[in-house]
């Protein structure tokens, strides 16, 4: 017998007071509250953009992950090339199949 996965309430992280207040409002008041929340989010996003510490951390992550990003780019290009050669030879590509890849990489050869 198949198990039925219970759906998580997408609003369970909201405070009950907020949910109760919204339910008690009329449509016009709810729309005003939505506009207020949207304005708050816009201000939040602006503050995020201006956060120097966060931007420094993002730059560090970008720098630290550059090698991985380049290796991924090369690996995708290698696979694309190999599939194209298979196609040109009239062979069947496994492009529609999932290929398992070990999560542990000891050495990445970017030359081949």
PDB file of N, CA and C in Angstrom:
ATOM      1  N   UNK A   1       0.848  -1.176   0.000  1.00  0.00           N
ATOM      2  CA  UNK A   1       0.000   0.000   0.000  1.00  0.00           C
ATOM      3  C   UNK A   1       0.896   1.242   0.000  1.00  0.00           C
ATOM      4  N   UNK A   2       0.634   2.178  -0.883  1.00  0.00           N
ATOM      5  CA  UNK A   2       1.435   3.394  -0.997  1.00  0.00           C
ATOM      6  C   UNK A   2       1.129   4.341   0.153  1.00  0.00           C
ATOM      7  N   UNK A   3       2.178   4.956   0.634  1.00  0.00           N
ATOM      8  CA  UNK A   3       2.015   5.942   1.698  1.00  0.00           C
ATOM      9  C   UNK A   3       1.587   7.267   1.092  1.00  0.00           C
ATOM     10  N   UNK A   4       0.675   7.938   1.756  1.00  0.00           N
ATOM     11  CA  UNK A   4       0.229   9.244   1.321  1.00  0.00           C
ATOM     12  C   UNK A   4       1.041  10.269   2.095  1.00  0.00           C
ATOM     13  N   UNK A   5       1.755  11.102   1.360  1.00  0.00           N
ATOM     14  CA  UNK A   5       2.588  12.113   1.996  1.00  0.00           C
ATOM     15  C   UNK A   5       1.711  13.270   2.444  1.00  0.00           C
ATOM     16  N   UNK A   6       1.815  13.602   3.715  1.00  0.00           N
ATOM     17  CA  UNK A   6       1.029  14.702   4.262  1.00  0.00           C
ATOM     18  C   UNK A   6       1.589  16.023   3.742  1.00  0.00           C
ATOM     19  N   UNK A   7       0.713  16.910   3.363  1.00  0.00           N
ATOM     20  CA  UNK A   7       1.134  18.212   2.878  1.00  0.00           C
ATOM     21  C   UNK A   7       1.425  19.132   4.060  1.00  0.00           C
ATOM     22  N   UNK A   8       2.540  19.822   3.953  1.00  0.00           N
ATOM     23  CA  UNK A   8       2.935  20.773   4.976  1.00  0.00           C
ATOM     24  C   UNK A   8       2.148  22.060   4.767  1.00  0.00           C
ATOM     25  N   UNK A   9       1.673  22.632   5.844  1.00  0.00           N
ATOM     26  CA  UNK A   9       0.976  23.911   5.774  1.00  0.00           C
ATOM     27  C   UNK A   9       1.982  24.979   5.377  1.00  0.00           C
ATOM     28  N   UNK A  10       1.817  25.612   4.207  1.00  0.00           N
ATOM     29  CA  UNK A  10       2.809  26.594   3.750  1.00  0.00           C
ATOM     30  C   UNK A  10       2.854  27.852   4.619  1.00  0.00           C
ATOM     31  N   UNK A  11       1.865  28.035   5.478  1.00  0.00           N
ATOM     32  CA  UNK A  11       1.801  29.233   6.301  1.00  0.00           C
ATOM     33  C   UNK A  11       2.080  28.956   7.781  1.00  0.00           C
ATOM     34  N   UNK A  12       2.597  27.762   8.073  1.00  0.00           N
ATOM     35  CA  UNK A  12       2.790  27.388   9.473  1.00  0.00           C
ATOM     36  C   UNK A  12       3.840  28.244  10.186  1.00  0.00           C
ATOM     37  N   UNK A  13       4.749  28.889   9.437  1.00  0.00           N
ATOM     38  CA  UNK A  13       5.781  29.714  10.053  1.00  0.00           C
ATOM     39  C   UNK A  13       5.304  31.130  10.375  1.00  0.00           C
ATOM     40  N   UNK A  14       4.116  31.480   9.903  1.00  0.00           N
ATOM     41  CA  UNK A  14       3.577  32.803  10.213  1.00  0.00           C
ATOM     42  C   UNK A  14       3.000  32.828  11.628  1.00  0.00           C
ATOM     43  N   UNK A  15       3.162  33.951  12.317  1.00  0.00           N
ATOM     44  CA  UNK A  15       2.573  34.059  13.657  1.00  0.00           C
ATOM     45  C   UNK A  15       1.046  33.947  13.598  1.00  0.00           C
ATOM     46  N   UNK A  16       0.476  33.256  14.553  1.00  0.00           N
ATOM     47  CA  UNK A  16      -0.985  33.089  14.599  1.00  0.00           C
ATOM     48  C   UNK A  16      -1.693  34.438  14.687  1.00  0.00           C
ATOM     49  N   UNK A  17      -1.090  35.383  15.400  1.00  0.00           N
ATOM     50  CA  UNK A  17      -1.706  36.711  15.542  1.00  0.00           C
ATOM     51  C   UNK A  17      -1.864  37.378  14.176  1.00  0.00           C
ATOM     52  N   UNK A  18      -0.842  37.241  13.326  1.00  0.00           N
ATOM     53  CA  UNK A  18      -0.900  37.825  11.987  1.00  0.00           C
ATOM     54  C   UNK A  18      -2.015  37.160  11.178  1.00  0.00           C
ATOM     55  N   UNK A  19      -2.033  35.833  11.180  1.00  0.00           N
ATOM     56  CA  UNK A  19      -3.048  35.114  10.399  1.00  0.00           C
ATOM     57  C   UNK A  19      -4.454  35.466  10.883  1.00  0.00           C
ATOM     58  N   UNK A  20      -4.636  35.513  12.193  1.00  0.00           N
ATOM     59  CA  UNK A  20      -5.954  35.851  12.741  1.00  0.00           C
ATOM     60  C   UNK A  20      -6.368  37.268  12.349  1.00  0.00           C
ATOM     61  N   UNK A  21      -5.415  38.206  12.383  1.00  0.00           N
ATOM     62  CA  UNK A  21      -5.721  39.591  12.029  1.00  0.00           C
ATOM     63  C   UNK A  21      -6.125  39.704  10.565  1.00  0.00           C
ATOM     64  N   UNK A  22      -5.424  39.012   9.691  1.00  0.00           N
ATOM     65  CA  UNK A  22      -5.741  39.058   8.256  1.00  0.00           C
ATOM     66  C   UNK A  22      -7.115  38.462   7.993  1.00  0.00           C
ATOM     67  N   UNK A  23      -7.403  37.336   8.618  1.00  0.00           N
ATOM     68  CA  UNK A  23      -8.703  36.683   8.434  1.00  0.00           C
ATOM     69  C   UNK A  23      -9.836  37.607   8.878  1.00  0.00           C
ATOM     70  N   UNK A  24      -9.604  38.413   9.899  1.00  0.00           N
ATOM     71  CA  UNK A  24     -10.649  39.293  10.431  1.00  0.00           C
ATOM     72  C   UNK A  24     -10.846  40.559   9.593  1.00  0.00           C
ATOM     73  N   UNK A  25      -9.951  40.854   8.671  1.00  0.00           N
ATOM     74  CA  UNK A  25     -10.030  42.082   7.870  1.00  0.00           C
ATOM     75  C   UNK A  25     -10.978  41.936   6.685  1.00  0.00           C
ATOM     76  N   UNK A  26     -11.475  43.097   6.200  1.00  0.00           N
ATOM     77  CA  UNK A  26     -12.235  43.096   4.955  1.00  0.00           C
ATOM     78  C   UNK A  26     -11.247  43.164   3.781  1.00  0.00           C
ATOM     79  N   UNK A  27     -11.749  42.992   2.573  1.00  0.00           N
ATOM     80  CA  UNK A  27     -10.891  42.905   1.391  1.00  0.00           C
ATOM     81  C   UNK A  27     -10.046  44.164   1.196  1.00  0.00           C
ATOM     82  N   UNK A  28     -10.636  45.339   1.391  1.00  0.00           N
ATOM     83  CA  UNK A  28      -9.902  46.591   1.191  1.00  0.00           C
ATOM     84  C   UNK A  28      -8.750  46.710   2.198  1.00  0.00           C
ATOM     85  N   UNK A  29      -8.994  46.356   3.428  1.00  0.00           N
ATOM     86  CA  UNK A  29      -7.960  46.426   4.460  1.00  0.00           C
ATOM     87  C   UNK A  29      -6.855  45.403   4.191  1.00  0.00           C
ATOM     88  N   UNK A  30      -7.234  44.233   3.700  1.00  0.00           N
ATOM     89  CA  UNK A  30      -6.226  43.223   3.353  1.00  0.00           C
ATOM     90  C   UNK A  30      -5.334  43.763   2.239  1.00  0.00           C
ATOM     91  N   UNK A  31      -5.932  44.401   1.221  1.00  0.00           N
ATOM     92  CA  UNK A  31      -5.137  44.968   0.133  1.00  0.00           C
ATOM     93  C   UNK A  31      -4.186  46.056   0.632  1.00  0.00           C
ATOM     94  N   UNK A  32      -4.635  46.870   1.565  1.00  0.00           N
ATOM     95  CA  UNK A  32      -3.758  47.884   2.149  1.00  0.00           C
ATOM     96  C   UNK A  32      -2.608  47.230   2.919  1.00  0.00           C
ATOM     97  N   UNK A  33      -2.912  46.171   3.631  1.00  0.00           N
ATOM     98  CA  UNK A  33      -1.877  45.440   4.395  1.00  0.00           C
ATOM     99  C   UNK A  33      -0.871  44.795   3.444  1.00  0.00           C
ATOM    100  N   UNK A  34      -1.350  44.245   2.322  1.00  0.00           N
ATOM    101  CA  UNK A  34      -0.455  43.651   1.326  1.00  0.00           C
ATOM    102  C   UNK A  34       0.489  44.723   0.789  1.00  0.00           C
ATOM    103  N   UNK A  35      -0.026  45.924   0.496  1.00  0.00           N
ATOM    104  CA  UNK A  35       0.816  47.013  -0.011  1.00  0.00           C
ATOM    105  C   UNK A  35       1.867  47.409   1.024  1.00  0.00           C
ATOM    106  N   UNK A  36       1.487  47.438   2.269  1.00  0.00           N
ATOM    107  CA  UNK A  36       2.420  47.777   3.353  1.00  0.00           C
ATOM    108  C   UNK A  36       3.524  46.718   3.471  1.00  0.00           C
ATOM    109  N   UNK A  37       3.130  45.455   3.386  1.00  0.00           N
ATOM    110  CA  UNK A  37       4.114  44.363   3.467  1.00  0.00           C
ATOM    111  C   UNK A  37       5.051  44.425   2.271  1.00  0.00           C
ATOM    112  N   UNK A  38       4.519  44.702   1.089  1.00  0.00           N
ATOM    113  CA  UNK A  38       5.349  44.801  -0.115  1.00  0.00           C
ATOM    114  C   UNK A  38       6.350  45.947   0.018  1.00  0.00           C
ATOM    115  N   UNK A  39       5.919  47.075   0.578  1.00  0.00           N
ATOM    116  CA  UNK A  39       6.817  48.211   0.793  1.00  0.00           C
ATOM    117  C   UNK A  39       7.916  47.821   1.788  1.00  0.00           C
ATOM    118  N   UNK A  40       7.548  47.112   2.849  1.00  0.00           N
ATOM    119  CA  UNK A  40       8.537  46.642   3.819  1.00  0.00           C
ATOM    120  C   UNK A  40       9.561  45.724   3.156  1.00  0.00           C
ATOM    121  N   UNK A  41       9.101  44.860   2.258  1.00  0.00           N
ATOM    122  CA  UNK A  41      10.020  43.952   1.567  1.00  0.00           C
ATOM    123  C   UNK A  41      10.939  44.711   0.635  1.00  0.00           C
ATOM    124  N   UNK A  42      10.436  45.727  -0.026  1.00  0.00           N
ATOM    125  CA  UNK A  42      11.275  46.546  -0.900  1.00  0.00           C
ATOM    126  C   UNK A  42      12.383  47.209  -0.082  1.00  0.00           C
ATOM    127  N   UNK A  43      12.047  47.744   1.080  1.00  0.00           N
ATOM    128  CA  UNK A  43      13.043  48.352   1.963  1.00  0.00           C
ATOM    129  C   UNK A  43      14.049  47.301   2.441  1.00  0.00           C
ATOM    130  N   UNK A  44      13.567  46.108   2.752  1.00  0.00           N
ATOM    131  CA  UNK A  44      14.435  45.017   3.179  1.00  0.00           C
ATOM    132  C   UNK A  44      15.445  44.679   2.088  1.00  0.00           C
ATOM    133  N   UNK A  45      14.994  44.590   0.828  1.00  0.00           N
ATOM    134  CA  UNK A  45      15.879  44.273  -0.289  1.00  0.00           C
ATOM    135  C   UNK A  45      16.904  45.386  -0.517  1.00  0.00           C
ATOM    136  N   UNK A  46      16.493  46.629  -0.354  1.00  0.00           N
ATOM    137  CA  UNK A  46      17.430  47.746  -0.502  1.00  0.00           C
ATOM    138  C   UNK A  46      18.505  47.696   0.576  1.00  0.00           C
ATOM    139  N   UNK A  47      18.109  47.413   1.805  1.00  0.00           N
ATOM    140  CA  UNK A  47      19.077  47.285   2.898  1.00  0.00           C
ATOM    141  C   UNK A  47      20.042  46.136   2.640  1.00  0.00           C
ATOM    142  N   UNK A  48      19.522  45.045   2.081  1.00  0.00           N
ATOM    143  CA  UNK A  48      20.364  43.896   1.753  1.00  0.00           C
ATOM    144  C   UNK A  48      21.416  44.288   0.717  1.00  0.00           C
ATOM    145  N   UNK A  49      21.016  45.026  -0.310  1.00  0.00           N
ATOM    146  CA  UNK A  49      21.956  45.469  -1.343  1.00  0.00           C
ATOM    147  C   UNK A  49      23.037  46.378  -0.774  1.00  0.00           C
ATOM    148  N   UNK A  50      22.677  47.180   0.222  1.00  0.00           N
ATOM    149  CA  UNK A  50      23.606  48.143   0.815  1.00  0.00           C
ATOM    150  C   UNK A  50      24.473  47.540   1.922  1.00  0.00           C
ATOM    151  N   UNK A  51      24.218  46.329   2.314  1.00  0.00           N
ATOM    152  CA  UNK A  51      24.956  45.688   3.409  1.00  0.00           C
ATOM    153  C   UNK A  51      26.365  45.326   2.949  1.00  0.00           C
ATOM    154  N   UNK A  52      27.351  46.118   3.360  1.00  0.00           N
ATOM    155  CA  UNK A  52      28.730  45.903   2.929  1.00  0.00           C
ATOM    156  C   UNK A  52      29.273  44.557   3.396  1.00  0.00           C
ATOM    157  N   UNK A  53      28.964  44.182   4.610  1.00  0.00           N
ATOM    158  CA  UNK A  53      29.453  42.901   5.141  1.00  0.00           C
ATOM    159  C   UNK A  53      28.916  41.740   4.301  1.00  0.00           C
ATOM    160  N   UNK A  54      27.634  41.777   3.992  1.00  0.00           N
ATOM    161  CA  UNK A  54      27.037  40.723   3.172  1.00  0.00           C
ATOM    162  C   UNK A  54      27.652  40.705   1.781  1.00  0.00           C
ATOM    163  N   UNK A  55      27.853  41.870   1.191  1.00  0.00           N
ATOM    164  CA  UNK A  55      28.449  41.939  -0.146  1.00  0.00           C
ATOM    165  C   UNK A  55      29.887  41.429  -0.139  1.00  0.00           C
ATOM    166  N   UNK A  56      30.634  41.711   0.930  1.00  0.00           N
ATOM    167  CA  UNK A  56      31.994  41.169   1.054  1.00  0.00           C
ATOM    168  C   UNK A  56      31.964  39.652   1.128  1.00  0.00           C
ATOM    169  N   UNK A  57      31.032  39.112   1.897  1.00  0.00           N
ATOM    170  CA  UNK A  57      30.911  37.655   2.020  1.00  0.00           C
ATOM    171  C   UNK A  57      30.534  37.021   0.686  1.00  0.00           C
ATOM    172  N   UNK A  58      29.625  37.662  -0.039  1.00  0.00           N
ATOM    173  CA  UNK A  58      29.235  37.145  -1.362  1.00  0.00           C
ATOM    174  C   UNK A  58      30.435  37.115  -2.300  1.00  0.00           C
ATOM    175  N   UNK A  59      31.254  38.165  -2.254  1.00  0.00           N
ATOM    176  CA  UNK A  59      32.442  38.218  -3.106  1.00  0.00           C
ATOM    177  C   UNK A  59      33.419  37.103  -2.724  1.00  0.00           C
ATOM    178  N   UNK A  60      33.544  36.828  -1.430  1.00  0.00           N
ATOM    179  CA  UNK A  60      34.422  35.758  -0.983  1.00  0.00           C
ATOM    180  C   UNK A  60      33.923  34.402  -1.480  1.00  0.00           C
ATOM    181  N   UNK A  61      32.624  34.191  -1.418  1.00  0.00           N
ATOM    182  CA  UNK A  61      32.047  32.931  -1.893  1.00  0.00           C
ATOM    183  C   UNK A  61      32.270  32.791  -3.397  1.00  0.00           C
ATOM    184  N   UNK A  62      32.058  33.874  -4.126  1.00  0.00           N
ATOM    185  CA  UNK A  62      32.271  33.845  -5.574  1.00  0.00           C
ATOM    186  C   UNK A  62      33.716  33.480  -5.887  1.00  0.00           C
ATOM    187  N   UNK A  63      34.656  34.111  -5.191  1.00  0.00           N
ATOM    188  CA  UNK A  63      36.074  33.818  -5.410  1.00  0.00           C
ATOM    189  C   UNK A  63      36.411  32.379  -5.025  1.00  0.00           C
ATOM    190  N   UNK A  64      35.901  31.940  -3.880  1.00  0.00           N
ATOM    191  CA  UNK A  64      36.223  30.599  -3.392  1.00  0.00           C
ATOM    192  C   UNK A  64      35.632  29.508  -4.275  1.00  0.00           C
ATOM    193  N   UNK A  65      34.512  29.791  -4.907  1.00  0.00           N
ATOM    194  CA  UNK A  65      33.855  28.761  -5.714  1.00  0.00           C
ATOM    195  C   UNK A  65      34.223  28.831  -7.192  1.00  0.00           C
ATOM    196  N   UNK A  66      35.091  29.743  -7.568  1.00  0.00           N
ATOM    197  CA  UNK A  66      35.431  29.929  -8.981  1.00  0.00           C
ATOM    198  C   UNK A  66      35.987  28.653  -9.613  1.00  0.00           C
ATOM    199  N   UNK A  67      36.850  27.952  -8.905  1.00  0.00           N
ATOM    200  CA  UNK A  67      37.418  26.710  -9.434  1.00  0.00           C
ATOM    201  C   UNK A  67      36.367  25.648  -9.672  1.00  0.00           C
ATOM    202  N   UNK A  68      35.439  25.535  -8.745  1.00  0.00           N
ATOM    203  CA  UNK A  68      34.359  24.559  -8.891  1.00  0.00           C
ATOM    204  C   UNK A  68      33.454  24.933 -10.062  1.00  0.00           C
ATOM    205  N   UNK A  69      33.182  26.218 -10.183  1.00  0.00           N
ATOM    206  CA  UNK A  69      32.326  26.688 -11.266  1.00  0.00           C
ATOM    207  C   UNK A  69      32.970  26.395 -12.619  1.00  0.00           C
ATOM    208  N   UNK A  70      34.268  26.651 -12.719  1.00  0.00           N
ATOM    209  CA  UNK A  70      34.980  26.386 -13.966  1.00  0.00           C
ATOM    210  C   UNK A  70      35.012  24.888 -14.260  1.00  0.00           C
ATOM    211  N   UNK A  71      35.240  24.070 -13.229  1.00  0.00           N
ATOM    212  CA  UNK A  71      35.259  22.613 -13.426  1.00  0.00           C
ATOM    213  C   UNK A  71      33.893  22.121 -13.900  1.00  0.00           C
ATOM    214  N   UNK A  72      32.826  22.641 -13.326  1.00  0.00           N
ATOM    215  CA  UNK A  72      31.472  22.266 -13.740  1.00  0.00           C
ATOM    216  C   UNK A  72      31.227  22.673 -15.186  1.00  0.00           C
ATOM    217  N   UNK A  73      31.658  23.864 -15.539  1.00  0.00           N
ATOM    218  CA  UNK A  73      31.498  24.344 -16.906  1.00  0.00           C
ATOM    219  C   UNK A  73      32.235  23.425 -17.880  1.00  0.00           C
ATOM    220  N   UNK A  74      33.459  23.053 -17.540  1.00  0.00           N
ATOM    221  CA  UNK A  74      34.245  22.164 -18.389  1.00  0.00           C
ATOM    222  C   UNK A  74      33.600  20.779 -18.490  1.00  0.00           C
ATOM    223  N   UNK A  75      33.137  20.251 -17.374  1.00  0.00           N
ATOM    224  CA  UNK A  75      32.508  18.926 -17.384  1.00  0.00           C
ATOM    225  C   UNK A  75      31.240  18.907 -18.224  1.00  0.00           C
ATOM    226  N   UNK A  76      30.428  19.940 -18.108  1.00  0.00           N
ATOM    227  CA  UNK A  76      29.213  20.022 -18.931  1.00  0.00           C
ATOM    228  C   UNK A  76      29.560  20.106 -20.413  1.00  0.00           C
ATOM    229  N   UNK A  77      30.596  20.886 -20.728  1.00  0.00           N
ATOM    230  CA  UNK A  77      31.021  21.024 -22.112  1.00  0.00           C
ATOM    231  C   UNK A  77      31.577  19.708 -22.656  1.00  0.00           C
ATOM    232  N   UNK A  78      32.318  18.966 -21.828  1.00  0.00           N
ATOM    233  CA  UNK A  78      32.854  17.662 -22.228  1.00  0.00           C
ATOM    234  C   UNK A  78      31.726  16.679 -22.524  1.00  0.00           C
ATOM    235  N   UNK A  79      30.713  16.667 -21.648  1.00  0.00           N
ATOM    236  CA  UNK A  79      29.568  15.777 -21.850  1.00  0.00           C
ATOM    237  C   UNK A  79      28.825  16.157 -23.127  1.00  0.00           C
ATOM    238  N   UNK A  80      28.624  17.448 -23.335  1.00  0.00           N
ATOM    239  CA  UNK A  80      27.931  17.914 -24.540  1.00  0.00           C
ATOM    240  C   UNK A  80      28.694  17.493 -25.795  1.00  0.00           C
ATOM    241  N   UNK A  81      30.022  17.646 -25.767  1.00  0.00           N
ATOM    242  CA  UNK A  81      30.840  17.248 -26.895  1.00  0.00           C
ATOM    243  C   UNK A  81      30.743  15.745 -27.148  1.00  0.00           C
ATOM    244  N   UNK A  82      30.872  14.953 -26.080  1.00  0.00           N
ATOM    245  CA  UNK A  82      30.816  13.496 -26.219  1.00  0.00           C
ATOM    246  C   UNK A  82      29.453  13.057 -26.752  1.00  0.00           C
ATOM    247  N   UNK A  83      28.376  13.683 -26.305  1.00  0.00           N
ATOM    248  CA  UNK A  83      27.037  13.352 -26.819  1.00  0.00           C
ATOM    249  C   UNK A  83      26.914  13.720 -28.290  1.00  0.00           C
ATOM    250  N   UNK A  84      27.512  14.845 -28.674  1.00  0.00           N
ATOM    251  CA  UNK A  84      27.472  15.250 -30.078  1.00  0.00           C
ATOM    252  C   UNK A  84      28.211  14.237 -30.948  1.00  0.00           C
ATOM    253  N   UNK A  85      29.363  13.755 -30.470  1.00  0.00           N
ATOM    254  CA  UNK A  85      30.113  12.743 -31.216  1.00  0.00           C
ATOM    255  C   UNK A  85      29.287  11.470 -31.340  1.00  0.00           C
ATOM    256  N   UNK A  86      28.611  11.071 -30.241  1.00  0.00           N
ATOM    257  CA  UNK A  86      27.735   9.897 -30.306  1.00  0.00           C
ATOM    258  C   UNK A  86      26.647  10.093 -31.353  1.00  0.00           C
ATOM    259  N   UNK A  87      26.051  11.269 -31.344  1.00  0.00           N
ATOM    260  CA  UNK A  87      24.984  11.565 -32.308  1.00  0.00           C
ATOM    261  C   UNK A  87      25.525  11.510 -33.733  1.00  0.00           C
ATOM    262  N   UNK A  88      26.705  12.102 -33.946  1.00  0.00           N
ATOM    263  CA  UNK A  88      27.309  12.102 -35.283  1.00  0.00           C
ATOM    264  C   UNK A  88      27.636  10.695 -35.764  1.00  0.00           C
ATOM    265  N   UNK A  89      27.939   9.806 -34.827  1.00  0.00           N
ATOM    266  CA  UNK A  89      28.260   8.421 -35.176  1.00  0.00           C
ATOM    267  C   UNK A  89      27.003   7.564 -35.291  1.00  0.00           C
ATOM    268  N   UNK A  90      25.863   8.157 -35.020  1.00  0.00           N
ATOM    269  CA  UNK A  90      24.611   7.426 -35.101  1.00  0.00           C
ATOM    270  C   UNK A  90      24.349   6.552 -33.886  1.00  0.00           C
ATOM    271  N   UNK A  91      25.121   6.723 -32.853  1.00  0.00           N
ATOM    272  CA  UNK A  91      24.926   5.945 -31.627  1.00  0.00           C
ATOM    273  C   UNK A  91      23.860   6.610 -30.770  1.00  0.00           C
ATOM    274  N   UNK A  92      23.280   5.844 -29.877  1.00  0.00           N
ATOM    275  CA  UNK A  92      22.252   6.349 -28.979  1.00  0.00           C
ATOM    276  C   UNK A  92      22.918   7.013 -27.786  1.00  0.00           C
ATOM    277  N   UNK A  93      22.527   8.228 -27.509  1.00  0.00           N
ATOM    278  CA  UNK A  93      23.047   8.955 -26.353  1.00  0.00           C
ATOM    279  C   UNK A  93      22.203   8.627 -25.135  1.00  0.00           C
ATOM    280  N   UNK A  94      22.820   8.655 -23.984  1.00  0.00           N
ATOM    281  CA  UNK A  94      22.096   8.438 -22.725  1.00  0.00           C
ATOM    282  C   UNK A  94      21.610   9.761 -22.165  1.00  0.00           C
ATOM    283  N   UNK A  95      21.404  10.745 -23.008  1.00  0.00           N
ATOM    284  CA  UNK A  95      21.060  12.086 -22.539  1.00  0.00           C
ATOM    285  C   UNK A  95      19.748  12.127 -21.769  1.00  0.00           C
ATOM    286  N   UNK A  96      18.853  11.201 -22.061  1.00  0.00           N
ATOM    287  CA  UNK A  96      17.574  11.212 -21.362  1.00  0.00           C
ATOM    288  C   UNK A  96      17.611  10.381 -20.088  1.00  0.00           C
ATOM    289  N   UNK A  97      18.744   9.736 -19.839  1.00  0.00           N
ATOM    290  CA  UNK A  97      18.874   8.914 -18.650  1.00  0.00           C
ATOM    291  C   UNK A  97      19.708   9.635 -17.611  1.00  0.00           C
ATOM    292  N   UNK A  98      19.455   9.332 -16.363  1.00  0.00           N
ATOM    293  CA  UNK A  98      20.228   9.898 -15.279  1.00  0.00           C
ATOM    294  C   UNK A  98      21.494   9.090 -15.097  1.00  0.00           C
ATOM    295  N   UNK A  99      22.600   9.776 -15.000  1.00  0.00           N
ATOM    296  CA  UNK A  99      23.875   9.114 -14.800  1.00  0.00           C
ATOM    297  C   UNK A  99      24.337   9.401 -13.387  1.00  0.00           C
ATOM    298  N   UNK A 100      24.610   8.351 -12.634  1.00  0.00           N
ATOM    299  CA  UNK A 100      25.069   8.523 -11.257  1.00  0.00           C
ATOM    300  C   UNK A 100      26.511   8.985 -11.261  1.00  0.00           C
ATOM    301  N   UNK A 101      26.798   9.969 -10.442  1.00  0.00           N
ATOM    302  CA  UNK A 101      28.144  10.496 -10.324  1.00  0.00           C
ATOM    303  C   UNK A 101      28.539  10.452  -8.857  1.00  0.00           C
ATOM    304  N   UNK A 102      29.748   9.978  -8.609  1.00  0.00           N
ATOM    305  CA  UNK A 102      30.237   9.907  -7.240  1.00  0.00           C
ATOM    306  C   UNK A 102      30.355  11.311  -6.668  1.00  0.00           C
ATOM    307  N   UNK A 103      29.919  11.531  -5.425  1.00  0.00           N
ATOM    308  CA  UNK A 103      30.032  12.856  -4.835  1.00  0.00           C
ATOM    309  C   UNK A 103      31.451  13.189  -4.401  1.00  0.00           C
ATOM    310  N   UNK A 104      32.363  12.206  -4.443  1.00  0.00           N
ATOM    311  CA  UNK A 104      33.731  12.439  -4.023  1.00  0.00           C
ATOM    312  C   UNK A 104      34.608  12.553  -5.262  1.00  0.00           C
ATOM    313  N   UNK A 105      35.276  13.670  -5.394  1.00  0.00           N
ATOM    314  CA  UNK A 105      36.185  13.890  -6.511  1.00  0.00           C
ATOM    315  C   UNK A 105      37.566  14.093  -5.913  1.00  0.00           C
ATOM    316  N   UNK A 106      38.497  13.258  -6.328  1.00  0.00           N
ATOM    317  CA  UNK A 106      39.844  13.395  -5.787  1.00  0.00           C
ATOM    318  C   UNK A 106      40.709  14.292  -6.663  1.00  0.00           C
ATOM    319  N   UNK A 107      40.457  14.313  -7.978  1.00  0.00           N
ATOM    320  CA  UNK A 107      41.248  15.125  -8.878  1.00  0.00           C
ATOM    321  C   UNK A 107      40.398  15.463 -10.090  1.00  0.00           C
ATOM    322  N   UNK A 108      40.465  16.716 -10.503  1.00  0.00           N
ATOM    323  CA  UNK A 108      39.758  17.136 -11.704  1.00  0.00           C
ATOM    324  C   UNK A 108      40.809  17.540 -12.727  1.00  0.00           C
ATOM    325  N   UNK A 109      40.793  16.877 -13.872  1.00  0.00           N
ATOM    326  CA  UNK A 109      41.739  17.161 -14.943  1.00  0.00           C
ATOM    327  C   UNK A 109      41.055  18.095 -15.922  1.00  0.00           C
ATOM    328  N   UNK A 110      41.415  19.370 -15.911  1.00  0.00           N
ATOM    329  CA  UNK A 110      40.771  20.355 -16.776  1.00  0.00           C
ATOM    330  C   UNK A 110      41.345  20.336 -18.185  1.00  0.00           C
ATOM    331  N   UNK A 111      42.401  19.587 -18.417  1.00  0.00           N
ATOM    332  CA  UNK A 111      43.042  19.539 -19.731  1.00  0.00           C
ATOM    333  C   UNK A 111      42.342  18.586 -20.676  1.00  0.00           C
ATOM    334  N   UNK A 112      41.640  17.559 -20.182  1.00  0.00           N
ATOM    335  CA  UNK A 112      41.001  16.543 -21.037  1.00  0.00           C
ATOM    336  C   UNK A 112      39.520  16.749 -21.109  1.00  0.00           C
TER     337      UNK A 112
END
